[in-house]
Amino acid sequence: MLMVAAYVGYPISIYPILSKYYKGLALGSVAFGIIAGVFIIIGVIILLLLLTLSDEFARVGTLDVSHFQMLGGLLREGRNLVNHVATTLAFVLAIWLIMKGFNRVEQDSVPN
């Protein structure tokens, strides 16, 4: 959960500075930071579901292994996609918006 605080906290901490110049970019970066945090929470929930599935598998035994293997594989792949693709993409977009805003501020402050 520390990652959630970092992924959400960074755009929120930059928001007051960037919103003075470009409110839309600042708000977009906060939104994408929150989306990244939600994806991390979804990844944690999927891990908890995987633990529940493995507990159920241990309780039932080896009667019907194929269903448990298929569900476990789907949960693992879903978690990998959420954490490695969706979270990264959302946070990269948040940082990109922040950098775009600061680049615009820098360009606007340079005299012609």
PDB file of N, CA and C in Angstrom:
ATOM      1  N   MET A   1       0.805  -1.192   0.000  1.00  0.00           N
ATOM      2  CA  MET A   1       0.000   0.000   0.000  1.00  0.00           C
ATOM      3  C   MET A   1       0.857   1.270   0.000  1.00  0.00           C
ATOM      4  N   LEU A   2       2.141   1.090   0.298  1.00  0.00           N
ATOM      5  CA  LEU A   2       3.053   2.227   0.225  1.00  0.00           C
ATOM      6  C   LEU A   2       3.181   2.714  -1.213  1.00  0.00           C
ATOM      7  N   MET A   3       3.117   1.781  -2.157  1.00  0.00           N
ATOM      8  CA  MET A   3       3.188   2.164  -3.568  1.00  0.00           C
ATOM      9  C   MET A   3       1.987   3.018  -3.969  1.00  0.00           C
ATOM     10  N   VAL A   4       0.825   2.716  -3.421  1.00  0.00           N
ATOM     11  CA  VAL A   4      -0.371   3.504  -3.732  1.00  0.00           C
ATOM     12  C   VAL A   4      -0.154   4.946  -3.287  1.00  0.00           C
ATOM     13  N   ALA A   5       0.401   5.105  -2.085  1.00  0.00           N
ATOM     14  CA  ALA A   5       0.655   6.461  -1.585  1.00  0.00           C
ATOM     15  C   ALA A   5       1.646   7.197  -2.479  1.00  0.00           C
ATOM     16  N   ALA A   6       2.658   6.495  -2.967  1.00  0.00           N
ATOM     17  CA  ALA A   6       3.652   7.133  -3.832  1.00  0.00           C
ATOM     18  C   ALA A   6       3.071   7.474  -5.198  1.00  0.00           C
ATOM     19  N   TYR A   7       2.349   6.545  -5.788  1.00  0.00           N
ATOM     20  CA  TYR A   7       1.799   6.765  -7.129  1.00  0.00           C
ATOM     21  C   TYR A   7       0.741   7.865  -7.134  1.00  0.00           C
ATOM     22  N   VAL A   8      -0.026   7.960  -6.058  1.00  0.00           N
ATOM     23  CA  VAL A   8      -1.059   8.985  -5.974  1.00  0.00           C
ATOM     24  C   VAL A   8      -0.482  10.277  -5.401  1.00  0.00           C
ATOM     25  N   GLY A   9       0.433  10.152  -4.454  1.00  0.00           N
ATOM     26  CA  GLY A   9       0.956  11.319  -3.754  1.00  0.00           C
ATOM     27  C   GLY A   9       1.807  12.238  -4.596  1.00  0.00           C
ATOM     28  N   TYR A  10       2.586  11.683  -5.512  1.00  0.00           N
ATOM     29  CA  TYR A  10       3.461  12.538  -6.315  1.00  0.00           C
ATOM     30  C   TYR A  10       2.667  13.520  -7.176  1.00  0.00           C
ATOM     31  N   PRO A  11       1.701  13.073  -7.981  1.00  0.00           N
ATOM     32  CA  PRO A  11       0.927  14.056  -8.757  1.00  0.00           C
ATOM     33  C   PRO A  11       0.135  15.030  -7.875  1.00  0.00           C
ATOM     34  N   ILE A  12      -0.350  14.540  -6.727  1.00  0.00           N
ATOM     35  CA  ILE A  12      -1.095  15.435  -5.833  1.00  0.00           C
ATOM     36  C   ILE A  12      -0.166  16.499  -5.255  1.00  0.00           C
ATOM     37  N   SER A  13       1.070  16.121  -4.936  1.00  0.00           N
ATOM     38  CA  SER A  13       2.002  17.103  -4.372  1.00  0.00           C
ATOM     39  C   SER A  13       2.439  18.137  -5.409  1.00  0.00           C
ATOM     40  N   ILE A  14       2.459  17.772  -6.680  1.00  0.00           N
ATOM     41  CA  ILE A  14       2.840  18.698  -7.747  1.00  0.00           C
ATOM     42  C   ILE A  14       1.652  19.562  -8.185  1.00  0.00           C
ATOM     43  N   TYR A  15       0.445  19.117  -7.891  1.00  0.00           N
ATOM     44  CA  TYR A  15      -0.764  19.804  -8.355  1.00  0.00           C
ATOM     45  C   TYR A  15      -0.797  21.300  -8.014  1.00  0.00           C
ATOM     46  N   PRO A  16      -0.512  21.712  -6.767  1.00  0.00           N
ATOM     47  CA  PRO A  16      -0.613  23.156  -6.472  1.00  0.00           C
ATOM     48  C   PRO A  16       0.345  24.010  -7.297  1.00  0.00           C
ATOM     49  N   ILE A  17       1.503  23.470  -7.614  1.00  0.00           N
ATOM     50  CA  ILE A  17       2.486  24.228  -8.396  1.00  0.00           C
ATOM     51  C   ILE A  17       2.039  24.331  -9.849  1.00  0.00           C
ATOM     52  N   LEU A  18       1.679  23.191 -10.431  1.00  0.00           N
ATOM     53  CA  LEU A  18       1.345  23.148 -11.852  1.00  0.00           C
ATOM     54  C   LEU A  18      -0.020  23.789 -12.147  1.00  0.00           C
ATOM     55  N   SER A  19      -0.945  23.721 -11.195  1.00  0.00           N
ATOM     56  CA  SER A  19      -2.287  24.256 -11.459  1.00  0.00           C
ATOM     57  C   SER A  19      -2.297  25.780 -11.571  1.00  0.00           C
ATOM     58  N   LYS A  20      -1.262  26.450 -11.072  1.00  0.00           N
ATOM     59  CA  LYS A  20      -1.172  27.904 -11.234  1.00  0.00           C
ATOM     60  C   LYS A  20      -1.039  28.291 -12.701  1.00  0.00           C
ATOM     61  N   TYR A  21      -0.446  27.406 -13.479  1.00  0.00           N
ATOM     62  CA  TYR A  21      -0.170  27.702 -14.881  1.00  0.00           C
ATOM     63  C   TYR A  21      -1.086  26.937 -15.831  1.00  0.00           C
ATOM     64  N   TYR A  22      -1.238  25.636 -15.599  1.00  0.00           N
ATOM     65  CA  TYR A  22      -2.041  24.784 -16.483  1.00  0.00           C
ATOM     66  C   TYR A  22      -2.888  23.839 -15.634  1.00  0.00           C
ATOM     67  N   LYS A  23      -4.076  24.282 -15.303  1.00  0.00           N
ATOM     68  CA  LYS A  23      -4.960  23.519 -14.422  1.00  0.00           C
ATOM     69  C   LYS A  23      -5.369  22.181 -15.036  1.00  0.00           C
ATOM     70  N   GLY A  24      -5.612  22.159 -16.338  1.00  0.00           N
ATOM     71  CA  GLY A  24      -6.030  20.918 -16.993  1.00  0.00           C
ATOM     72  C   GLY A  24      -4.963  19.847 -16.941  1.00  0.00           C
ATOM     73  N   LEU A  25      -3.724  20.214 -17.208  1.00  0.00           N
ATOM     74  CA  LEU A  25      -2.631  19.246 -17.139  1.00  0.00           C
ATOM     75  C   LEU A  25      -2.423  18.754 -15.707  1.00  0.00           C
ATOM     76  N   ALA A  26      -2.540  19.673 -14.756  1.00  0.00           N
ATOM     77  CA  ALA A  26      -2.369  19.291 -13.353  1.00  0.00           C
ATOM     78  C   ALA A  26      -3.466  18.321 -12.922  1.00  0.00           C
ATOM     79  N   LEU A  27      -4.699  18.614 -13.303  1.00  0.00           N
ATOM     80  CA  LEU A  27      -5.815  17.744 -12.947  1.00  0.00           C
ATOM     81  C   LEU A  27      -5.698  16.387 -13.641  1.00  0.00           C
ATOM     82  N   GLY A  28      -5.269  16.386 -14.887  1.00  0.00           N
ATOM     83  CA  GLY A  28      -5.070  15.124 -15.608  1.00  0.00           C
ATOM     84  C   GLY A  28      -4.005  14.254 -14.966  1.00  0.00           C
ATOM     85  N   SER A  29      -2.924  14.870 -14.508  1.00  0.00           N
ATOM     86  CA  SER A  29      -1.864  14.085 -13.871  1.00  0.00           C
ATOM     87  C   SER A  29      -2.350  13.475 -12.560  1.00  0.00           C
ATOM     88  N   VAL A  30      -3.147  14.223 -11.803  1.00  0.00           N
ATOM     89  CA  VAL A  30      -3.712  13.679 -10.570  1.00  0.00           C
ATOM     90  C   VAL A  30      -4.667  12.527 -10.889  1.00  0.00           C
ATOM     91  N   ALA A  31      -5.482  12.695 -11.912  1.00  0.00           N
ATOM     92  CA  ALA A  31      -6.430  11.639 -12.296  1.00  0.00           C
ATOM     93  C   ALA A  31      -5.694  10.357 -12.688  1.00  0.00           C
ATOM     94  N   PHE A  32      -4.636  10.478 -13.505  1.00  0.00           N
ATOM     95  CA  PHE A  32      -3.890   9.288 -13.900  1.00  0.00           C
ATOM     96  C   PHE A  32      -3.127   8.684 -12.722  1.00  0.00           C
ATOM     97  N   GLY A  33      -2.685   9.513 -11.778  1.00  0.00           N
ATOM     98  CA  GLY A  33      -2.052   8.984 -10.572  1.00  0.00           C
ATOM     99  C   GLY A  33      -3.032   8.173  -9.737  1.00  0.00           C
ATOM    100  N   ILE A  34      -4.253   8.675  -9.623  1.00  0.00           N
ATOM    101  CA  ILE A  34      -5.286   7.942  -8.883  1.00  0.00           C
ATOM    102  C   ILE A  34      -5.630   6.644  -9.601  1.00  0.00           C
ATOM    103  N   ILE A  35      -5.709   6.687 -10.919  1.00  0.00           N
ATOM    104  CA  ILE A  35      -5.984   5.466 -11.692  1.00  0.00           C
ATOM    105  C   ILE A  35      -4.880   4.439 -11.466  1.00  0.00           C
ATOM    106  N   ALA A  36      -3.627   4.878 -11.449  1.00  0.00           N
ATOM    107  CA  ALA A  36      -2.516   3.956 -11.184  1.00  0.00           C
ATOM    108  C   ALA A  36      -2.645   3.348  -9.793  1.00  0.00           C
ATOM    109  N   GLY A  37      -3.035   4.159  -8.814  1.00  0.00           N
ATOM    110  CA  GLY A  37      -3.236   3.642  -7.462  1.00  0.00           C
ATOM    111  C   GLY A  37      -4.342   2.612  -7.396  1.00  0.00           C
ATOM    112  N   VAL A  38      -5.427   2.854  -8.134  1.00  0.00           N
ATOM    113  CA  VAL A  38      -6.529   1.893  -8.176  1.00  0.00           C
ATOM    114  C   VAL A  38      -6.064   0.581  -8.814  1.00  0.00           C
ATOM    115  N   PHE A  39      -5.257   0.663  -9.851  1.00  0.00           N
ATOM    116  CA  PHE A  39      -4.738  -0.554 -10.468  1.00  0.00           C
ATOM    117  C   PHE A  39      -3.858  -1.347  -9.504  1.00  0.00           C
ATOM    118  N   ILE A  40      -3.088  -0.665  -8.667  1.00  0.00           N
ATOM    119  CA  ILE A  40      -2.279  -1.372  -7.676  1.00  0.00           C
ATOM    120  C   ILE A  40      -3.185  -2.093  -6.681  1.00  0.00           C
ATOM    121  N   ILE A  41      -4.240  -1.429  -6.243  1.00  0.00           N
ATOM    122  CA  ILE A  41      -5.184  -2.058  -5.307  1.00  0.00           C
ATOM    123  C   ILE A  41      -5.854  -3.272  -5.952  1.00  0.00           C
ATOM    124  N   ILE A  42      -6.202  -3.155  -7.223  1.00  0.00           N
ATOM    125  CA  ILE A  42      -6.792  -4.298  -7.942  1.00  0.00           C
ATOM    126  C   ILE A  42      -5.794  -5.457  -7.984  1.00  0.00           C
ATOM    127  N   GLY A  43      -4.510  -5.148  -8.212  1.00  0.00           N
ATOM    128  CA  GLY A  43      -3.487  -6.194  -8.209  1.00  0.00           C
ATOM    129  C   GLY A  43      -3.377  -6.894  -6.869  1.00  0.00           C
ATOM    130  N   VAL A  44      -3.489  -6.146  -5.781  1.00  0.00           N
ATOM    131  CA  VAL A  44      -3.445  -6.741  -4.439  1.00  0.00           C
ATOM    132  C   VAL A  44      -4.666  -7.623  -4.216  1.00  0.00           C
ATOM    133  N   ILE A  45      -5.830  -7.177  -4.655  1.00  0.00           N
ATOM    134  CA  ILE A  45      -7.042  -7.982  -4.514  1.00  0.00           C
ATOM    135  C   ILE A  45      -6.906  -9.293  -5.297  1.00  0.00           C
ATOM    136  N   ILE A  46      -6.321  -9.228  -6.484  1.00  0.00           N
ATOM    137  CA  ILE A  46      -6.133 -10.445  -7.273  1.00  0.00           C
ATOM    138  C   ILE A  46      -5.184 -11.398  -6.556  1.00  0.00           C
ATOM    139  N   LEU A  47      -4.137 -10.864  -5.909  1.00  0.00           N
ATOM    140  CA  LEU A  47      -3.240 -11.729  -5.129  1.00  0.00           C
ATOM    141  C   LEU A  47      -3.987 -12.411  -3.990  1.00  0.00           C
ATOM    142  N   LEU A  48      -4.875 -11.678  -3.329  1.00  0.00           N
ATOM    143  CA  LEU A  48      -5.667 -12.277  -2.252  1.00  0.00           C
ATOM    144  C   LEU A  48      -6.604 -13.354  -2.795  1.00  0.00           C
ATOM    145  N   LEU A  49      -7.158 -13.128  -3.982  1.00  0.00           N
ATOM    146  CA  LEU A  49      -7.986 -14.157  -4.610  1.00  0.00           C
ATOM    147  C   LEU A  49      -7.172 -15.400  -4.946  1.00  0.00           C
ATOM    148  N   LEU A  50      -5.940 -15.199  -5.357  1.00  0.00           N
ATOM    149  CA  LEU A  50      -5.058 -16.331  -5.661  1.00  0.00           C
ATOM    150  C   LEU A  50      -4.750 -17.129  -4.402  1.00  0.00           C
ATOM    151  N   LEU A  51      -4.559 -16.439  -3.292  1.00  0.00           N
ATOM    152  CA  LEU A  51      -4.347 -17.133  -2.015  1.00  0.00           C
ATOM    153  C   LEU A  51      -5.582 -17.930  -1.607  1.00  0.00           C
ATOM    154  N   THR A  52      -6.746 -17.347  -1.792  1.00  0.00           N
ATOM    155  CA  THR A  52      -7.998 -18.048  -1.468  1.00  0.00           C
ATOM    156  C   THR A  52      -8.165 -19.281  -2.347  1.00  0.00           C
ATOM    157  N   LEU A  53      -7.830 -19.137  -3.611  1.00  0.00           N
ATOM    158  CA  LEU A  53      -7.921 -20.271  -4.534  1.00  0.00           C
ATOM    159  C   LEU A  53      -6.969 -21.382  -4.125  1.00  0.00           C
ATOM    160  N   SER A  54      -5.739 -21.033  -3.742  1.00  0.00           N
ATOM    161  CA  SER A  54      -4.778 -22.070  -3.352  1.00  0.00           C
ATOM    162  C   SER A  54      -5.202 -22.740  -2.045  1.00  0.00           C
ATOM    163  N   ASP A  55      -5.826 -21.992  -1.146  1.00  0.00           N
ATOM    164  CA  ASP A  55      -6.340 -22.574   0.087  1.00  0.00           C
ATOM    165  C   ASP A  55      -7.460 -23.568  -0.222  1.00  0.00           C
ATOM    166  N   GLU A  56      -8.340 -23.188  -1.128  1.00  0.00           N
ATOM    167  CA  GLU A  56      -9.429 -24.081  -1.533  1.00  0.00           C
ATOM    168  C   GLU A  56      -8.886 -25.340  -2.211  1.00  0.00           C
ATOM    169  N   PHE A  57      -7.852 -25.174  -3.025  1.00  0.00           N
ATOM    170  CA  PHE A  57      -7.227 -26.318  -3.688  1.00  0.00           C
ATOM    171  C   PHE A  57      -6.636 -27.278  -2.657  1.00  0.00           C
ATOM    172  N   ALA A  58      -5.973 -26.735  -1.633  1.00  0.00           N
ATOM    173  CA  ALA A  58      -5.388 -27.580  -0.590  1.00  0.00           C
ATOM    174  C   ALA A  58      -6.478 -28.296   0.200  1.00  0.00           C
ATOM    175  N   ARG A  59      -7.603 -27.660   0.374  1.00  0.00           N
ATOM    176  CA  ARG A  59      -8.708 -28.273   1.118  1.00  0.00           C
ATOM    177  C   ARG A  59      -9.359 -29.400   0.329  1.00  0.00           C
ATOM    178  N   VAL A  60      -9.565 -29.184  -0.962  1.00  0.00           N
ATOM    179  CA  VAL A  60     -10.253 -30.167  -1.799  1.00  0.00           C
ATOM    180  C   VAL A  60      -9.341 -31.344  -2.134  1.00  0.00           C
ATOM    181  N   GLY A  61      -8.067 -31.072  -2.365  1.00  0.00           N
ATOM    182  CA  GLY A  61      -7.141 -32.136  -2.740  1.00  0.00           C
ATOM    183  C   GLY A  61      -6.985 -32.219  -4.241  1.00  0.00           C
ATOM    184  N   THR A  62      -6.712 -33.397  -4.713  1.00  0.00           N
ATOM    185  CA  THR A  62      -6.395 -33.580  -6.131  1.00  0.00           C
ATOM    186  C   THR A  62      -7.556 -34.193  -6.914  1.00  0.00           C
ATOM    187  N   LEU A  63      -8.773 -33.877  -6.541  1.00  0.00           N
ATOM    188  CA  LEU A  63      -9.915 -34.431  -7.260  1.00  0.00           C
ATOM    189  C   LEU A  63     -10.032 -33.876  -8.669  1.00  0.00           C
ATOM    190  N   ASP A  64     -10.028 -32.568  -8.795  1.00  0.00           N
ATOM    191  CA  ASP A  64     -10.165 -31.946 -10.105  1.00  0.00           C
ATOM    192  C   ASP A  64      -9.179 -30.790 -10.202  1.00  0.00           C
ATOM    193  N   VAL A  65      -7.975 -31.094 -10.606  1.00  0.00           N
ATOM    194  CA  VAL A  65      -6.882 -30.129 -10.609  1.00  0.00           C
ATOM    195  C   VAL A  65      -6.997 -29.128 -11.752  1.00  0.00           C
ATOM    196  N   SER A  66      -7.564 -29.519 -12.877  1.00  0.00           N
ATOM    197  CA  SER A  66      -7.543 -28.668 -14.070  1.00  0.00           C
ATOM    198  C   SER A  66      -8.266 -27.336 -13.856  1.00  0.00           C
ATOM    199  N   HIS A  67      -9.380 -27.343 -13.145  1.00  0.00           N
ATOM    200  CA  HIS A  67     -10.110 -26.091 -12.902  1.00  0.00           C
ATOM    201  C   HIS A  67      -9.285 -25.125 -12.051  1.00  0.00           C
ATOM    202  N   PHE A  68      -8.645 -25.667 -11.030  1.00  0.00           N
ATOM    203  CA  PHE A  68      -7.826 -24.822 -10.162  1.00  0.00           C
ATOM    204  C   PHE A  68      -6.619 -24.266 -10.909  1.00  0.00           C
ATOM    205  N   GLN A  69      -6.012 -25.101 -11.753  1.00  0.00           N
ATOM    206  CA  GLN A  69      -4.868 -24.627 -12.532  1.00  0.00           C
ATOM    207  C   GLN A  69      -5.277 -23.540 -13.518  1.00  0.00           C
ATOM    208  N   MET A  70      -6.411 -23.730 -14.159  1.00  0.00           N
ATOM    209  CA  MET A  70      -6.885 -22.726 -15.120  1.00  0.00           C
ATOM    210  C   MET A  70      -7.203 -21.408 -14.404  1.00  0.00           C
ATOM    211  N   LEU A  71      -7.927 -21.476 -13.299  1.00  0.00           N
ATOM    212  CA  LEU A  71      -8.264 -20.266 -12.551  1.00  0.00           C
ATOM    213  C   LEU A  71      -7.012 -19.581 -12.006  1.00  0.00           C
ATOM    214  N   GLY A  72      -6.080 -20.379 -11.496  1.00  0.00           N
ATOM    215  CA  GLY A  72      -4.829 -19.814 -10.985  1.00  0.00           C
ATOM    216  C   GLY A  72      -4.035 -19.122 -12.077  1.00  0.00           C
ATOM    217  N   GLY A  73      -3.980 -19.752 -13.246  1.00  0.00           N
ATOM    218  CA  GLY A  73      -3.277 -19.138 -14.376  1.00  0.00           C
ATOM    219  C   GLY A  73      -3.927 -17.841 -14.822  1.00  0.00           C
ATOM    220  N   LEU A  74      -5.260 -17.831 -14.870  1.00  0.00           N
ATOM    221  CA  LEU A  74      -5.971 -16.606 -15.250  1.00  0.00           C
ATOM    222  C   LEU A  74      -5.751 -15.485 -14.236  1.00  0.00           C
ATOM    223  N   LEU A  75      -5.810 -15.818 -12.958  1.00  0.00           N
ATOM    224  CA  LEU A  75      -5.576 -14.801 -11.928  1.00  0.00           C
ATOM    225  C   LEU A  75      -4.144 -14.258 -12.003  1.00  0.00           C
ATOM    226  N   ARG A  76      -3.193 -15.151 -12.208  1.00  0.00           N
ATOM    227  CA  ARG A  76      -1.791 -14.722 -12.289  1.00  0.00           C
ATOM    228  C   ARG A  76      -1.563 -13.823 -13.503  1.00  0.00           C
ATOM    229  N   GLU A  77      -2.096 -14.213 -14.652  1.00  0.00           N
ATOM    230  CA  GLU A  77      -1.932 -13.395 -15.854  1.00  0.00           C
ATOM    231  C   GLU A  77      -2.665 -12.061 -15.731  1.00  0.00           C
ATOM    232  N   GLY A  78      -3.855 -12.092 -15.132  1.00  0.00           N
ATOM    233  CA  GLY A  78      -4.596 -10.854 -14.930  1.00  0.00           C
ATOM    234  C   GLY A  78      -3.857  -9.897 -14.023  1.00  0.00           C
ATOM    235  N   ARG A  79      -3.266 -10.425 -12.959  1.00  0.00           N
ATOM    236  CA  ARG A  79      -2.490  -9.585 -12.059  1.00  0.00           C
ATOM    237  C   ARG A  79      -1.257  -9.027 -12.750  1.00  0.00           C
ATOM    238  N   ASN A  80      -0.590  -9.846 -13.545  1.00  0.00           N
ATOM    239  CA  ASN A  80       0.586  -9.362 -14.273  1.00  0.00           C
ATOM    240  C   ASN A  80       0.223  -8.236 -15.233  1.00  0.00           C
ATOM    241  N   LEU A  81      -0.892  -8.385 -15.939  1.00  0.00           N
ATOM    242  CA  LEU A  81      -1.320  -7.338 -16.861  1.00  0.00           C
ATOM    243  C   LEU A  81      -1.697  -6.056 -16.128  1.00  0.00           C
ATOM    244  N   VAL A  82      -2.397  -6.192 -15.019  1.00  0.00           N
ATOM    245  CA  VAL A  82      -2.798  -5.010 -14.258  1.00  0.00           C
ATOM    246  C   VAL A  82      -1.571  -4.300 -13.693  1.00  0.00           C
ATOM    247  N   ASN A  83      -0.683  -5.061 -13.059  1.00  0.00           N
ATOM    248  CA  ASN A  83       0.461  -4.417 -12.399  1.00  0.00           C
ATOM    249  C   ASN A  83       1.554  -3.982 -13.355  1.00  0.00           C
ATOM    250  N   HIS A  84       1.814  -4.759 -14.380  1.00  0.00           N
ATOM    251  CA  HIS A  84       2.955  -4.457 -15.236  1.00  0.00           C
ATOM    252  C   HIS A  84       2.593  -3.610 -16.456  1.00  0.00           C
ATOM    253  N   VAL A  85       1.352  -3.613 -16.861  1.00  0.00           N
ATOM    254  CA  VAL A  85       0.967  -2.847 -18.043  1.00  0.00           C
ATOM    255  C   VAL A  85       0.092  -1.653 -17.655  1.00  0.00           C
ATOM    256  N   ALA A  86      -1.041  -1.927 -17.041  1.00  0.00           N
ATOM    257  CA  ALA A  86      -2.003  -0.858 -16.770  1.00  0.00           C
ATOM    258  C   ALA A  86      -1.463   0.162 -15.767  1.00  0.00           C
ATOM    259  N   THR A  87      -0.868  -0.314 -14.667  1.00  0.00           N
ATOM    260  CA  THR A  87      -0.340   0.608 -13.664  1.00  0.00           C
ATOM    261  C   THR A  87       0.781   1.459 -14.243  1.00  0.00           C
ATOM    262  N   THR A  88       1.686   0.818 -14.954  1.00  0.00           N
ATOM    263  CA  THR A  88       2.810   1.539 -15.541  1.00  0.00           C
ATOM    264  C   THR A  88       2.324   2.569 -16.553  1.00  0.00           C
ATOM    265  N   LEU A  89       1.395   2.181 -17.397  1.00  0.00           N
ATOM    266  CA  LEU A  89       0.875   3.099 -18.407  1.00  0.00           C
ATOM    267  C   LEU A  89       0.198   4.310 -17.764  1.00  0.00           C
ATOM    268  N   ALA A  90      -0.624   4.074 -16.751  1.00  0.00           N
ATOM    269  CA  ALA A  90      -1.320   5.184 -16.093  1.00  0.00           C
ATOM    270  C   ALA A  90      -0.324   6.126 -15.418  1.00  0.00           C
ATOM    271  N   PHE A  91       0.691   5.576 -14.740  1.00  0.00           N
ATOM    272  CA  PHE A  91       1.644   6.444 -14.051  1.00  0.00           C
ATOM    273  C   PHE A  91       2.540   7.190 -15.034  1.00  0.00           C
ATOM    274  N   VAL A  92       2.910   6.540 -16.123  1.00  0.00           N
ATOM    275  CA  VAL A  92       3.713   7.220 -17.152  1.00  0.00           C
ATOM    276  C   VAL A  92       2.925   8.390 -17.738  1.00  0.00           C
ATOM    277  N   LEU A  93       1.635   8.202 -17.962  1.00  0.00           N
ATOM    278  CA  LEU A  93       0.808   9.308 -18.464  1.00  0.00           C
ATOM    279  C   LEU A  93       0.726  10.446 -17.446  1.00  0.00           C
ATOM    280  N   ALA A  94       0.651  10.114 -16.160  1.00  0.00           N
ATOM    281  CA  ALA A  94       0.627  11.155 -15.127  1.00  0.00           C
ATOM    282  C   ALA A  94       1.924  11.956 -15.150  1.00  0.00           C
ATOM    283  N   ILE A  95       3.045  11.269 -15.218  1.00  0.00           N
ATOM    284  CA  ILE A  95       4.345  11.947 -15.232  1.00  0.00           C
ATOM    285  C   ILE A  95       4.520  12.738 -16.525  1.00  0.00           C
ATOM    286  N   TRP A  96       4.047  12.197 -17.643  1.00  0.00           N
ATOM    287  CA  TRP A  96       4.156  12.892 -18.923  1.00  0.00           C
ATOM    288  C   TRP A  96       3.395  14.214 -18.889  1.00  0.00           C
ATOM    289  N   LEU A  97       2.200  14.192 -18.301  1.00  0.00           N
ATOM    290  CA  LEU A  97       1.423  15.428 -18.192  1.00  0.00           C
ATOM    291  C   LEU A  97       2.132  16.451 -17.310  1.00  0.00           C
ATOM    292  N   ILE A  98       2.746  15.989 -16.230  1.00  0.00           N
ATOM    293  CA  ILE A  98       3.499  16.895 -15.358  1.00  0.00           C
ATOM    294  C   ILE A  98       4.667  17.507 -16.128  1.00  0.00           C
ATOM    295  N   MET A  99       5.415  16.677 -16.825  1.00  0.00           N
ATOM    296  CA  MET A  99       6.572  17.180 -17.578  1.00  0.00           C
ATOM    297  C   MET A  99       6.139  18.120 -18.703  1.00  0.00           C
ATOM    298  N   LYS A 100       5.036  17.793 -19.348  1.00  0.00           N
ATOM    299  CA  LYS A 100       4.525  18.668 -20.405  1.00  0.00           C
ATOM    300  C   LYS A 100       4.157  20.032 -19.836  1.00  0.00           C
ATOM    301  N   GLY A 101       3.534  20.046 -18.677  1.00  0.00           N
ATOM    302  CA  GLY A 101       3.181  21.304 -18.039  1.00  0.00           C
ATOM    303  C   GLY A 101       4.403  22.126 -17.664  1.00  0.00           C
ATOM    304  N   PHE A 102       5.404  21.482 -17.077  1.00  0.00           N
ATOM    305  CA  PHE A 102       6.612  22.213 -16.705  1.00  0.00           C
ATOM    306  C   PHE A 102       7.385  22.691 -17.932  1.00  0.00           C
ATOM    307  N   ASN A 103       7.377  21.917 -19.007  1.00  0.00           N
ATOM    308  CA  ASN A 103       8.020  22.370 -20.247  1.00  0.00           C
ATOM    309  C   ASN A 103       7.318  23.603 -20.811  1.00  0.00           C
ATOM    310  N   ARG A 104       5.980  23.612 -20.739  1.00  0.00           N
ATOM    311  CA  ARG A 104       5.244  24.785 -21.219  1.00  0.00           C
ATOM    312  C   ARG A 104       5.546  26.015 -20.363  1.00  0.00           C
ATOM    313  N   VAL A 105       5.629  25.813 -19.051  1.00  0.00           N
ATOM    314  CA  VAL A 105       5.957  26.941 -18.159  1.00  0.00           C
ATOM    315  C   VAL A 105       7.330  27.469 -18.495  1.00  0.00           C
ATOM    316  N   GLU A 106       8.273  26.570 -18.726  1.00  0.00           N
ATOM    317  CA  GLU A 106       9.637  26.981 -19.055  1.00  0.00           C
ATOM    318  C   GLU A 106       9.673  27.730 -20.395  1.00  0.00           C
ATOM    319  N   GLN A 107       8.947  27.245 -21.390  1.00  0.00           N
ATOM    320  CA  GLN A 107       8.907  27.905 -22.692  1.00  0.00           C
ATOM    321  C   GLN A 107       8.235  29.277 -22.608  1.00  0.00           C
ATOM    322  N   ASP A 108       7.206  29.378 -21.792  1.00  0.00           N
ATOM    323  CA  ASP A 108       6.508  30.652 -21.639  1.00  0.00           C
ATOM    324  C   ASP A 108       7.345  31.690 -20.909  1.00  0.00           C
ATOM    325  N   SER A 109       8.255  31.233 -20.055  1.00  0.00           N
ATOM    326  CA  SER A 109       9.062  32.181 -19.269  1.00  0.00           C
ATOM    327  C   SER A 109      10.312  32.656 -19.990  1.00  0.00           C
ATOM    328  N   VAL A 110      10.675  32.015 -21.107  1.00  0.00           N
ATOM    329  CA  VAL A 110      11.855  32.412 -21.869  1.00  0.00           C
ATOM    330  C   VAL A 110      11.491  33.636 -22.713  1.00  0.00           C
ATOM    331  N   PRO A 111      12.232  34.741 -22.582  1.00  0.00           N
ATOM    332  CA  PRO A 111      11.919  35.929 -23.394  1.00  0.00           C
ATOM    333  C   PRO A 111      12.279  35.697 -24.861  1.00  0.00           C
ATOM    334  N   ASN A 112      11.520  36.310 -25.735  1.00  0.00           N
ATOM    335  CA  ASN A 112      11.764  36.141 -27.186  1.00  0.00           C
ATOM    336  C   ASN A 112      12.810  37.091 -27.680  1.00  0.00           C
TER     337      ASN A 112
END
